[in-house]
Amino acid sequence: GRTYPLPFPLPPLAEQQRIVAKVDELFAQTRALEARMRQAQENVVTVNRAALHRLHTAQDNDKFQTAWHTIRDHFDVLYDDPRNVAELRQTILDLAVRGKLVPQDPNDEPAEELLKNIGGGKSTKNGRKESLKPTRVSVRTDTLHDVPSSWVWAQFFEVANIATNSTDPGLYPDLPHIAPDNIEKFTGRLLAYRTVA
């Protein structure tokens, strides 16, 4: 083989040994730093879970606000890790369905009235009002979480017309039409859908 006449720095042998020792020492420090950083990231995940738990389980508004301020004040640190963002999203949804995301307005019409209005306004294919009196399914109340006093627990048939056959969207131009595949399995969460008119 042929070698190229490229110059390179050649320190004295004793200095080479010191350089190797220093490189080994610094690499050991960087490995320790990486381990500390990994541990710090895990600690942030743990702190986030604890902060979200405090927010989720707050028994009164003062405790809720205190928990929220902790999260808000450390938001940039807590949510630098994508794992924490997913947990935050889930907590936001959970707080929303528990009535803890926004303050309740005592001047709002109670949900009981809304339910009556929805039930009285359902119509059939022919445009006639339908008198729906389906039987409510019995649910153990100890499995339901508390909701604000102006809310009610409702069942799906009370707020929507449920049909098991294909429906011509043209007959109901002002209503969304949701197919079973628009509902996420096991969670019941509504996925993206579009109304075809």
N, C-alpha and C. Protein backbone atom coordinates (compact mmCIF):
# COMPACT_ATOMS: atom_id res chain seq x y z
N GLY A 1 0.79 -1.17 0.00
CA GLY A 1 0.00 0.00 0.00
C GLY A 1 0.85 1.25 0.00
N ARG A 2 0.26 2.20 -0.52
CA ARG A 2 0.89 3.50 -0.64
C ARG A 2 0.40 4.41 0.47
N THR A 3 1.24 5.18 1.10
CA THR A 3 0.85 6.13 2.13
C THR A 3 0.94 7.53 1.57
N TYR A 4 0.07 8.37 2.10
CA TYR A 4 0.07 9.77 1.66
C TYR A 4 0.89 10.60 2.63
N PRO A 5 1.59 11.56 2.14
CA PRO A 5 2.47 12.37 2.99
C PRO A 5 1.71 13.44 3.77
N LEU A 6 0.64 13.02 4.52
CA LEU A 6 -0.13 14.00 5.30
C LEU A 6 0.53 14.17 6.66
N PRO A 7 0.74 15.38 7.09
CA PRO A 7 1.34 15.60 8.41
C PRO A 7 0.30 15.38 9.52
N PHE A 8 0.72 14.95 10.68
CA PHE A 8 -0.15 14.84 11.86
C PHE A 8 0.65 15.22 13.09
N PRO A 9 -0.05 15.71 14.12
CA PRO A 9 0.67 16.14 15.32
C PRO A 9 1.10 14.92 16.14
N LEU A 10 2.33 14.87 16.53
CA LEU A 10 2.87 13.76 17.31
C LEU A 10 3.46 14.32 18.59
N PRO A 11 2.73 14.15 19.73
CA PRO A 11 3.29 14.62 21.00
C PRO A 11 4.30 13.61 21.53
N PRO A 12 5.10 14.02 22.50
CA PRO A 12 6.03 13.08 23.14
C PRO A 12 5.25 11.93 23.78
N LEU A 13 5.87 10.79 23.94
CA LEU A 13 5.22 9.59 24.46
C LEU A 13 4.59 9.82 25.83
N ALA A 14 5.29 10.48 26.73
CA ALA A 14 4.74 10.74 28.07
C ALA A 14 3.47 11.58 27.97
N GLU A 15 3.46 12.56 27.06
CA GLU A 15 2.27 13.40 26.89
C GLU A 15 1.13 12.59 26.27
N GLN A 16 1.45 11.69 25.34
CA GLN A 16 0.42 10.83 24.76
C GLN A 16 -0.29 10.04 25.86
N GLN A 17 0.49 9.52 26.79
CA GLN A 17 -0.09 8.74 27.88
C GLN A 17 -0.99 9.61 28.76
N ARG A 18 -0.55 10.86 29.00
CA ARG A 18 -1.39 11.78 29.79
C ARG A 18 -2.68 12.11 29.03
N ILE A 19 -2.58 12.30 27.72
CA ILE A 19 -3.76 12.60 26.90
C ILE A 19 -4.76 11.44 26.97
N VAL A 20 -4.26 10.21 26.81
CA VAL A 20 -5.13 9.03 26.88
C VAL A 20 -5.80 8.95 28.25
N ALA A 21 -5.05 9.18 29.31
CA ALA A 21 -5.61 9.15 30.67
C ALA A 21 -6.70 10.22 30.82
N LYS A 22 -6.45 11.42 30.29
CA LYS A 22 -7.41 12.52 30.40
C LYS A 22 -8.68 12.21 29.59
N VAL A 23 -8.50 11.66 28.38
CA VAL A 23 -9.66 11.27 27.55
C VAL A 23 -10.49 10.23 28.29
N ASP A 24 -9.83 9.22 28.88
CA ASP A 24 -10.56 8.20 29.64
C ASP A 24 -11.32 8.83 30.80
N GLU A 25 -10.68 9.75 31.51
CA GLU A 25 -11.32 10.43 32.64
C GLU A 25 -12.54 11.22 32.18
N LEU A 26 -12.39 12.00 31.10
CA LEU A 26 -13.50 12.83 30.61
C LEU A 26 -14.64 11.98 30.05
N PHE A 27 -14.30 10.88 29.36
CA PHE A 27 -15.34 9.99 28.87
C PHE A 27 -16.12 9.35 30.02
N ALA A 28 -15.42 9.01 31.10
CA ALA A 28 -16.11 8.46 32.28
C ALA A 28 -17.07 9.51 32.85
N GLN A 29 -16.64 10.77 32.87
CA GLN A 29 -17.51 11.84 33.36
C GLN A 29 -18.72 12.03 32.45
N THR A 30 -18.53 11.92 31.12
CA THR A 30 -19.67 12.08 30.21
C THR A 30 -20.65 10.91 30.36
N ARG A 31 -20.13 9.70 30.61
CA ARG A 31 -21.04 8.57 30.86
C ARG A 31 -21.85 8.80 32.13
N ALA A 32 -21.19 9.31 33.16
CA ALA A 32 -21.90 9.62 34.41
C ALA A 32 -22.93 10.72 34.18
N LEU A 33 -22.58 11.71 33.37
CA LEU A 33 -23.51 12.80 33.05
C LEU A 33 -24.72 12.26 32.29
N GLU A 34 -24.49 11.38 31.32
CA GLU A 34 -25.60 10.76 30.58
C GLU A 34 -26.52 10.00 31.52
N ALA A 35 -25.94 9.26 32.46
CA ALA A 35 -26.75 8.51 33.42
C ALA A 35 -27.57 9.46 34.29
N ARG A 36 -26.96 10.57 34.73
CA ARG A 36 -27.70 11.55 35.54
C ARG A 36 -28.82 12.19 34.72
N MET A 37 -28.55 12.46 33.44
CA MET A 37 -29.58 13.06 32.58
C MET A 37 -30.74 12.09 32.37
N ARG A 38 -30.44 10.80 32.16
CA ARG A 38 -31.51 9.80 32.02
C ARG A 38 -32.34 9.74 33.30
N GLN A 39 -31.65 9.76 34.44
CA GLN A 39 -32.37 9.72 35.72
C GLN A 39 -33.20 10.98 35.90
N ALA A 40 -32.67 12.13 35.50
CA ALA A 40 -33.43 13.38 35.60
C ALA A 40 -34.68 13.33 34.73
N GLN A 41 -34.56 12.75 33.53
CA GLN A 41 -35.73 12.61 32.66
C GLN A 41 -36.78 11.70 33.30
N GLU A 42 -36.33 10.61 33.90
CA GLU A 42 -37.28 9.72 34.59
C GLU A 42 -37.92 10.43 35.77
N ASN A 43 -37.13 11.25 36.47
CA ASN A 43 -37.68 12.01 37.59
C ASN A 43 -38.75 12.99 37.12
N VAL A 44 -38.54 13.62 35.96
CA VAL A 44 -39.54 14.55 35.42
C VAL A 44 -40.83 13.80 35.09
N VAL A 45 -40.72 12.60 34.55
CA VAL A 45 -41.91 11.79 34.27
C VAL A 45 -42.64 11.48 35.57
N THR A 46 -41.91 11.12 36.61
CA THR A 46 -42.51 10.82 37.91
C THR A 46 -43.17 12.05 38.51
N VAL A 47 -42.48 13.18 38.45
CA VAL A 47 -43.04 14.43 38.99
C VAL A 47 -44.31 14.81 38.23
N ASN A 48 -44.29 14.65 36.91
CA ASN A 48 -45.47 14.96 36.10
C ASN A 48 -46.66 14.10 36.53
N ARG A 49 -46.43 12.81 36.70
CA ARG A 49 -47.53 11.92 37.13
C ARG A 49 -48.09 12.37 38.47
N ALA A 50 -47.21 12.74 39.38
CA ALA A 50 -47.66 13.20 40.70
C ALA A 50 -48.44 14.50 40.58
N ALA A 51 -47.96 15.43 39.75
CA ALA A 51 -48.65 16.72 39.58
C ALA A 51 -50.02 16.52 38.95
N LEU A 52 -50.10 15.66 37.93
CA LEU A 52 -51.40 15.40 37.30
C LEU A 52 -52.34 14.68 38.25
N HIS A 53 -51.79 13.79 39.07
CA HIS A 53 -52.61 13.10 40.07
C HIS A 53 -53.20 14.10 41.06
N ARG A 54 -52.39 15.04 41.52
CA ARG A 54 -52.89 16.07 42.45
C ARG A 54 -54.00 16.89 41.79
N LEU A 55 -53.82 17.21 40.51
CA LEU A 55 -54.83 17.98 39.78
C LEU A 55 -56.11 17.16 39.65
N HIS A 56 -55.95 15.91 39.30
CA HIS A 56 -57.10 15.03 39.06
C HIS A 56 -57.89 14.74 40.34
N THR A 57 -57.20 14.65 41.46
CA THR A 57 -57.87 14.25 42.70
C THR A 57 -58.18 15.42 43.63
N ALA A 58 -57.96 16.64 43.16
CA ALA A 58 -58.23 17.81 44.01
C ALA A 58 -59.69 17.81 44.44
N GLN A 59 -59.92 17.95 45.74
CA GLN A 59 -61.27 17.86 46.29
C GLN A 59 -62.02 19.19 46.27
N ASP A 60 -61.29 20.28 46.16
CA ASP A 60 -61.97 21.58 46.11
C ASP A 60 -61.21 22.50 45.16
N ASN A 61 -61.80 23.65 44.89
CA ASN A 61 -61.23 24.56 43.91
C ASN A 61 -59.85 25.08 44.33
N ASP A 62 -59.65 25.34 45.63
CA ASP A 62 -58.34 25.83 46.08
C ASP A 62 -57.23 24.81 45.79
N LYS A 63 -57.50 23.54 46.11
CA LYS A 63 -56.50 22.50 45.85
C LYS A 63 -56.30 22.31 44.35
N PHE A 64 -57.37 22.42 43.60
CA PHE A 64 -57.27 22.31 42.15
C PHE A 64 -56.39 23.43 41.59
N GLN A 65 -56.63 24.65 42.04
CA GLN A 65 -55.85 25.80 41.56
C GLN A 65 -54.38 25.67 41.96
N THR A 66 -54.13 25.20 43.18
CA THR A 66 -52.74 25.00 43.62
C THR A 66 -52.04 23.97 42.74
N ALA A 67 -52.74 22.87 42.46
CA ALA A 67 -52.16 21.83 41.61
C ALA A 67 -51.92 22.36 40.20
N TRP A 68 -52.88 23.13 39.68
CA TRP A 68 -52.72 23.67 38.34
C TRP A 68 -51.55 24.65 38.28
N HIS A 69 -51.40 25.50 39.30
CA HIS A 69 -50.30 26.47 39.31
C HIS A 69 -48.94 25.77 39.32
N THR A 70 -48.86 24.65 40.02
CA THR A 70 -47.61 23.88 40.02
C THR A 70 -47.27 23.43 38.60
N ILE A 71 -48.26 22.91 37.90
CA ILE A 71 -48.04 22.47 36.52
C ILE A 71 -47.72 23.66 35.63
N ARG A 72 -48.51 24.71 35.74
CA ARG A 72 -48.30 25.90 34.89
C ARG A 72 -46.91 26.49 35.09
N ASP A 73 -46.47 26.58 36.34
CA ASP A 73 -45.18 27.20 36.64
C ASP A 73 -43.98 26.37 36.16
N HIS A 74 -44.19 25.09 35.92
CA HIS A 74 -43.09 24.21 35.48
C HIS A 74 -43.41 23.56 34.13
N PHE A 75 -44.31 24.18 33.40
CA PHE A 75 -44.81 23.61 32.14
C PHE A 75 -43.68 23.27 31.16
N ASP A 76 -42.74 24.20 30.98
CA ASP A 76 -41.68 23.99 29.99
C ASP A 76 -40.78 22.81 30.36
N VAL A 77 -40.59 22.57 31.63
CA VAL A 77 -39.75 21.44 32.06
C VAL A 77 -40.55 20.14 31.98
N LEU A 78 -41.78 20.16 32.48
CA LEU A 78 -42.60 18.95 32.51
C LEU A 78 -42.93 18.43 31.12
N TYR A 79 -43.17 19.33 30.18
CA TYR A 79 -43.68 18.90 28.88
C TYR A 79 -42.65 19.00 27.76
N ASP A 80 -41.39 18.91 28.17
CA ASP A 80 -40.30 18.77 27.20
C ASP A 80 -40.19 17.31 26.78
N ASP A 81 -40.77 16.42 27.56
CA ASP A 81 -40.73 14.98 27.30
C ASP A 81 -42.06 14.56 26.68
N PRO A 82 -42.06 13.97 25.48
CA PRO A 82 -43.31 13.58 24.81
C PRO A 82 -44.18 12.62 25.63
N ARG A 83 -43.56 11.81 26.48
CA ARG A 83 -44.36 10.89 27.31
C ARG A 83 -45.30 11.67 28.21
N ASN A 84 -44.84 12.81 28.70
CA ASN A 84 -45.67 13.61 29.59
C ASN A 84 -46.80 14.31 28.84
N VAL A 85 -46.57 14.66 27.58
CA VAL A 85 -47.60 15.34 26.79
C VAL A 85 -48.81 14.42 26.62
N ALA A 86 -48.57 13.15 26.35
CA ALA A 86 -49.68 12.20 26.19
C ALA A 86 -50.50 12.11 27.48
N GLU A 87 -49.84 12.08 28.61
CA GLU A 87 -50.57 12.02 29.89
C GLU A 87 -51.33 13.32 30.15
N LEU A 88 -50.75 14.45 29.77
CA LEU A 88 -51.44 15.73 29.93
C LEU A 88 -52.71 15.76 29.09
N ARG A 89 -52.64 15.30 27.85
CA ARG A 89 -53.83 15.27 26.99
C ARG A 89 -54.94 14.44 27.63
N GLN A 90 -54.57 13.27 28.13
CA GLN A 90 -55.57 12.41 28.76
C GLN A 90 -56.18 13.08 29.98
N THR A 91 -55.37 13.77 30.76
CA THR A 91 -55.88 14.47 31.94
C THR A 91 -56.82 15.59 31.53
N ILE A 92 -56.48 16.33 30.48
CA ILE A 92 -57.36 17.41 30.00
C ILE A 92 -58.73 16.84 29.63
N LEU A 93 -58.75 15.74 28.89
CA LEU A 93 -60.03 15.13 28.51
C LEU A 93 -60.80 14.66 29.74
N ASP A 94 -60.09 14.06 30.67
CA ASP A 94 -60.74 13.57 31.89
C ASP A 94 -61.34 14.73 32.68
N LEU A 95 -60.59 15.82 32.82
CA LEU A 95 -61.10 16.98 33.55
C LEU A 95 -62.31 17.58 32.83
N ALA A 96 -62.28 17.56 31.50
CA ALA A 96 -63.40 18.11 30.73
C ALA A 96 -64.68 17.34 31.00
N VAL A 97 -64.62 16.00 31.01
CA VAL A 97 -65.85 15.22 31.23
C VAL A 97 -66.25 15.18 32.70
N ARG A 98 -65.43 15.69 33.57
CA ARG A 98 -65.79 15.77 34.99
C ARG A 98 -66.25 17.17 35.38
N GLY A 99 -66.24 18.10 34.42
CA GLY A 99 -66.68 19.46 34.72
C GLY A 99 -65.68 20.28 35.50
N LYS A 100 -64.41 19.91 35.42
CA LYS A 100 -63.39 20.62 36.19
C LYS A 100 -62.51 21.51 35.32
N LEU A 101 -62.76 21.52 34.01
CA LEU A 101 -61.88 22.26 33.11
C LEU A 101 -62.21 23.74 33.06
N VAL A 102 -63.48 24.06 33.15
CA VAL A 102 -63.91 25.47 33.12
C VAL A 102 -64.84 25.70 34.30
N PRO A 103 -64.94 26.94 34.77
CA PRO A 103 -65.86 27.21 35.88
C PRO A 103 -67.31 27.09 35.42
N GLN A 104 -68.17 26.63 36.32
CA GLN A 104 -69.59 26.55 36.02
C GLN A 104 -70.23 27.92 36.23
N ASP A 105 -71.19 28.24 35.37
CA ASP A 105 -71.92 29.49 35.47
C ASP A 105 -73.31 29.17 36.01
N PRO A 106 -73.66 29.70 37.19
CA PRO A 106 -74.97 29.38 37.76
C PRO A 106 -76.12 29.90 36.89
N ASN A 107 -75.84 30.78 35.94
CA ASN A 107 -76.88 31.30 35.06
C ASN A 107 -77.13 30.41 33.84
N ASP A 108 -76.28 29.40 33.64
CA ASP A 108 -76.50 28.47 32.52
C ASP A 108 -77.77 27.66 32.76
N GLU A 109 -78.46 27.36 31.66
CA GLU A 109 -79.63 26.48 31.77
C GLU A 109 -79.13 25.10 32.19
N PRO A 110 -79.76 24.49 33.18
CA PRO A 110 -79.31 23.17 33.63
C PRO A 110 -79.39 22.13 32.50
N ALA A 111 -78.54 21.16 32.56
CA ALA A 111 -78.51 20.10 31.55
C ALA A 111 -79.81 19.30 31.53
N GLU A 112 -80.50 19.24 32.66
CA GLU A 112 -81.80 18.55 32.70
C GLU A 112 -82.78 19.17 31.71
N GLU A 113 -82.77 20.50 31.63
CA GLU A 113 -83.64 21.20 30.66
C GLU A 113 -83.18 20.92 29.24
N LEU A 114 -81.88 20.93 29.02
CA LEU A 114 -81.35 20.62 27.70
C LEU A 114 -81.79 19.23 27.27
N LEU A 115 -81.72 18.28 28.17
CA LEU A 115 -82.12 16.91 27.88
C LEU A 115 -83.60 16.85 27.51
N LYS A 116 -84.44 17.60 28.22
CA LYS A 116 -85.87 17.64 27.88
C LYS A 116 -86.08 18.23 26.49
N ASN A 117 -85.35 19.31 26.19
CA ASN A 117 -85.49 19.94 24.87
C ASN A 117 -85.03 19.03 23.74
N ILE A 118 -83.94 18.31 23.97
CA ILE A 118 -83.45 17.38 22.95
C ILE A 118 -84.45 16.26 22.74
N GLY A 119 -84.93 15.70 23.82
CA GLY A 119 -85.89 14.60 23.74
C GLY A 119 -87.18 15.00 23.05
N GLY A 120 -87.61 16.23 23.25
CA GLY A 120 -88.84 16.71 22.64
C GLY A 120 -88.66 17.10 21.19
N GLY A 121 -87.44 17.19 20.72
CA GLY A 121 -87.20 17.66 19.37
C GLY A 121 -86.80 16.59 18.39
N LYS A 122 -86.77 15.33 18.79
CA LYS A 122 -86.36 14.27 17.87
C LYS A 122 -87.47 14.03 16.85
N SER A 123 -87.08 13.78 15.62
CA SER A 123 -88.08 13.52 14.59
C SER A 123 -87.72 12.26 13.82
N THR A 124 -88.72 11.69 13.17
CA THR A 124 -88.53 10.46 12.41
C THR A 124 -88.17 10.81 10.98
N LYS A 125 -88.03 9.77 10.14
CA LYS A 125 -87.71 9.97 8.73
C LYS A 125 -88.76 10.81 8.03
N ASN A 126 -90.01 10.65 8.45
CA ASN A 126 -91.11 11.36 7.80
C ASN A 126 -91.24 12.79 8.29
N GLY A 127 -90.40 13.19 9.22
CA GLY A 127 -90.47 14.55 9.75
C GLY A 127 -91.41 14.68 10.94
N ARG A 128 -92.08 13.57 11.33
CA ARG A 128 -92.97 13.62 12.49
C ARG A 128 -92.14 13.52 13.76
N LYS A 129 -92.67 14.12 14.82
CA LYS A 129 -92.00 14.00 16.12
C LYS A 129 -92.15 12.58 16.62
N GLU A 130 -91.09 12.07 17.16
CA GLU A 130 -91.08 10.71 17.65
C GLU A 130 -91.19 10.74 19.17
N SER A 131 -92.06 9.95 19.70
CA SER A 131 -92.19 9.87 21.15
C SER A 131 -91.33 8.72 21.63
N LEU A 132 -90.13 9.03 22.03
CA LEU A 132 -89.21 7.99 22.48
C LEU A 132 -89.34 7.78 23.98
N LYS A 133 -89.65 6.58 24.36
CA LYS A 133 -89.72 6.25 25.77
C LYS A 133 -88.92 4.97 26.02
N PRO A 134 -87.68 4.90 25.53
CA PRO A 134 -86.91 3.69 25.80
C PRO A 134 -86.58 3.59 27.28
N THR A 135 -86.34 2.39 27.69
CA THR A 135 -86.03 2.15 29.09
C THR A 135 -84.57 2.49 29.34
N ARG A 136 -84.34 3.28 30.37
CA ARG A 136 -82.96 3.59 30.76
C ARG A 136 -82.30 2.33 31.30
N VAL A 137 -81.08 2.15 30.93
CA VAL A 137 -80.31 1.02 31.43
C VAL A 137 -79.86 1.35 32.85
N SER A 138 -80.04 0.41 33.73
CA SER A 138 -79.63 0.62 35.11
C SER A 138 -78.11 0.57 35.20
N VAL A 139 -77.54 1.59 35.84
CA VAL A 139 -76.09 1.68 36.00
C VAL A 139 -75.80 1.85 37.49
N ARG A 140 -74.84 1.12 37.98
CA ARG A 140 -74.46 1.29 39.38
C ARG A 140 -73.91 2.69 39.58
N THR A 141 -74.50 3.44 40.47
CA THR A 141 -74.07 4.83 40.67
C THR A 141 -72.67 4.93 41.28
N ASP A 142 -72.22 3.87 41.95
CA ASP A 142 -70.88 3.94 42.53
C ASP A 142 -69.79 3.83 41.46
N THR A 143 -70.18 3.51 40.22
CA THR A 143 -69.20 3.46 39.13
C THR A 143 -69.10 4.80 38.40
N LEU A 144 -69.99 5.74 38.72
CA LEU A 144 -70.00 7.04 38.06
C LEU A 144 -69.26 8.06 38.91
N HIS A 145 -68.52 8.93 38.27
CA HIS A 145 -67.83 9.99 39.02
C HIS A 145 -68.80 11.15 39.24
N ASP A 146 -68.48 11.99 40.19
CA ASP A 146 -69.30 13.16 40.47
C ASP A 146 -69.20 14.14 39.32
N VAL A 147 -70.33 14.81 39.04
CA VAL A 147 -70.36 15.88 38.04
C VAL A 147 -70.94 17.12 38.71
N PRO A 148 -70.71 18.29 38.13
CA PRO A 148 -71.27 19.51 38.72
C PRO A 148 -72.80 19.42 38.86
N SER A 149 -73.35 20.20 39.77
CA SER A 149 -74.78 20.11 40.07
C SER A 149 -75.67 20.47 38.88
N SER A 150 -75.18 21.26 37.94
CA SER A 150 -76.00 21.62 36.79
C SER A 150 -75.92 20.58 35.66
N TRP A 151 -75.10 19.55 35.83
CA TRP A 151 -74.96 18.48 34.85
C TRP A 151 -75.89 17.33 35.21
N VAL A 152 -76.14 16.44 34.25
CA VAL A 152 -76.86 15.20 34.52
C VAL A 152 -76.12 14.07 33.80
N TRP A 153 -76.29 12.88 34.30
CA TRP A 153 -75.81 11.71 33.59
C TRP A 153 -76.90 11.34 32.59
N ALA A 154 -76.54 11.19 31.33
CA ALA A 154 -77.51 10.85 30.28
C ALA A 154 -77.03 9.60 29.56
N GLN A 155 -77.95 9.00 28.83
CA GLN A 155 -77.60 7.86 28.00
C GLN A 155 -77.72 8.28 26.54
N PHE A 156 -76.97 7.63 25.69
CA PHE A 156 -76.82 8.08 24.31
C PHE A 156 -78.17 8.23 23.60
N PHE A 157 -79.11 7.32 23.83
CA PHE A 157 -80.39 7.41 23.13
C PHE A 157 -81.16 8.67 23.50
N GLU A 158 -80.81 9.30 24.63
CA GLU A 158 -81.52 10.51 25.04
C GLU A 158 -81.06 11.75 24.27
N VAL A 159 -79.92 11.68 23.63
CA VAL A 159 -79.40 12.86 22.94
C VAL A 159 -79.21 12.63 21.44
N ALA A 160 -79.49 11.43 20.96
CA ALA A 160 -79.28 11.15 19.54
C ALA A 160 -80.28 10.12 19.06
N ASN A 161 -80.63 10.20 17.78
CA ASN A 161 -81.41 9.14 17.16
C ASN A 161 -80.43 8.05 16.75
N ILE A 162 -80.71 6.86 17.18
CA ILE A 162 -79.81 5.75 16.87
C ILE A 162 -80.50 4.86 15.85
N ALA A 163 -79.85 4.63 14.73
CA ALA A 163 -80.40 3.78 13.69
C ALA A 163 -79.37 2.71 13.35
N THR A 164 -79.87 1.52 13.09
CA THR A 164 -78.95 0.43 12.76
C THR A 164 -78.89 0.18 11.27
N ASN A 165 -79.60 0.97 10.49
CA ASN A 165 -79.55 0.80 9.04
C ASN A 165 -78.96 2.05 8.41
N SER A 166 -78.68 1.96 7.13
CA SER A 166 -78.14 3.13 6.44
C SER A 166 -79.20 4.21 6.37
N THR A 167 -78.80 5.41 6.60
CA THR A 167 -79.71 6.55 6.58
C THR A 167 -79.25 7.50 5.48
N ASP A 168 -80.21 7.98 4.73
CA ASP A 168 -79.89 8.94 3.68
C ASP A 168 -79.58 10.29 4.32
N PRO A 169 -78.32 10.75 4.26
CA PRO A 169 -77.98 12.03 4.88
C PRO A 169 -78.80 13.20 4.35
N GLY A 170 -79.30 13.07 3.11
CA GLY A 170 -80.11 14.14 2.54
C GLY A 170 -81.40 14.39 3.29
N LEU A 171 -81.90 13.37 4.01
CA LEU A 171 -83.12 13.54 4.79
C LEU A 171 -82.89 14.36 6.05
N TYR A 172 -81.64 14.44 6.48
CA TYR A 172 -81.29 15.16 7.71
C TYR A 172 -80.09 16.07 7.44
N PRO A 173 -80.26 17.09 6.63
CA PRO A 173 -79.10 17.90 6.22
C PRO A 173 -78.44 18.67 7.35
N ASP A 174 -79.15 18.92 8.44
CA ASP A 174 -78.58 19.72 9.52
C ASP A 174 -77.97 18.88 10.63
N LEU A 175 -77.98 17.57 10.48
CA LEU A 175 -77.48 16.69 11.54
C LEU A 175 -76.25 15.93 11.07
N PRO A 176 -75.31 15.69 11.98
CA PRO A 176 -74.16 14.85 11.61
C PRO A 176 -74.59 13.39 11.53
N HIS A 177 -73.97 12.65 10.66
CA HIS A 177 -74.23 11.22 10.54
C HIS A 177 -72.94 10.50 10.89
N ILE A 178 -73.00 9.69 11.91
CA ILE A 178 -71.81 9.05 12.42
C ILE A 178 -71.98 7.54 12.28
N ALA A 179 -71.04 6.92 11.63
CA ALA A 179 -71.06 5.47 11.46
C ALA A 179 -70.34 4.81 12.62
N PRO A 180 -70.60 3.52 12.86
CA PRO A 180 -69.92 2.83 13.96
C PRO A 180 -68.40 2.91 13.90
N ASP A 181 -67.85 2.96 12.68
CA ASP A 181 -66.39 3.03 12.61
C ASP A 181 -65.85 4.42 12.94
N ASN A 182 -66.74 5.37 13.25
CA ASN A 182 -66.31 6.69 13.73
C ASN A 182 -66.20 6.71 15.25
N ILE A 183 -66.48 5.60 15.89
CA ILE A 183 -66.42 5.51 17.35
C ILE A 183 -65.31 4.54 17.71
N GLU A 184 -64.35 5.02 18.49
CA GLU A 184 -63.19 4.21 18.86
C GLU A 184 -63.61 3.04 19.73
N LYS A 185 -63.11 1.86 19.37
CA LYS A 185 -63.42 0.67 20.15
C LYS A 185 -62.87 0.79 21.56
N PHE A 186 -63.60 0.27 22.51
CA PHE A 186 -63.24 0.18 23.93
C PHE A 186 -63.28 1.49 24.69
N THR A 187 -63.18 2.64 24.00
CA THR A 187 -63.23 3.92 24.73
C THR A 187 -64.50 4.69 24.45
N GLY A 188 -65.12 4.45 23.27
CA GLY A 188 -66.31 5.20 22.90
C GLY A 188 -66.00 6.61 22.42
N ARG A 189 -64.73 6.94 22.30
CA ARG A 189 -64.34 8.29 21.89
C ARG A 189 -64.71 8.49 20.43
N LEU A 190 -65.30 9.65 20.13
CA LEU A 190 -65.70 9.98 18.77
C LEU A 190 -64.48 10.36 17.95
N LEU A 191 -64.28 9.64 16.85
CA LEU A 191 -63.16 9.92 15.96
C LEU A 191 -63.62 10.93 14.91
N ALA A 192 -62.71 11.36 14.08
CA ALA A 192 -63.05 12.34 13.03
C ALA A 192 -64.12 11.74 12.11
N TYR A 193 -65.07 12.56 11.74
CA TYR A 193 -66.10 12.13 10.80
C TYR A 193 -66.47 13.32 9.93
N ARG A 194 -67.17 13.02 8.85
CA ARG A 194 -67.65 14.12 8.02
C ARG A 194 -69.06 13.80 7.59
N THR A 195 -69.88 14.83 7.51
CA THR A 195 -71.27 14.66 7.09
C THR A 195 -71.33 14.80 5.58
N VAL A 196 -71.97 13.84 4.95
CA VAL A 196 -72.14 13.88 3.50
C VAL A 196 -73.56 14.31 3.22
N ALA A 197 -73.73 15.39 2.48
CA ALA A 197 -75.09 15.86 2.19
C ALA A 197 -75.37 15.76 0.72
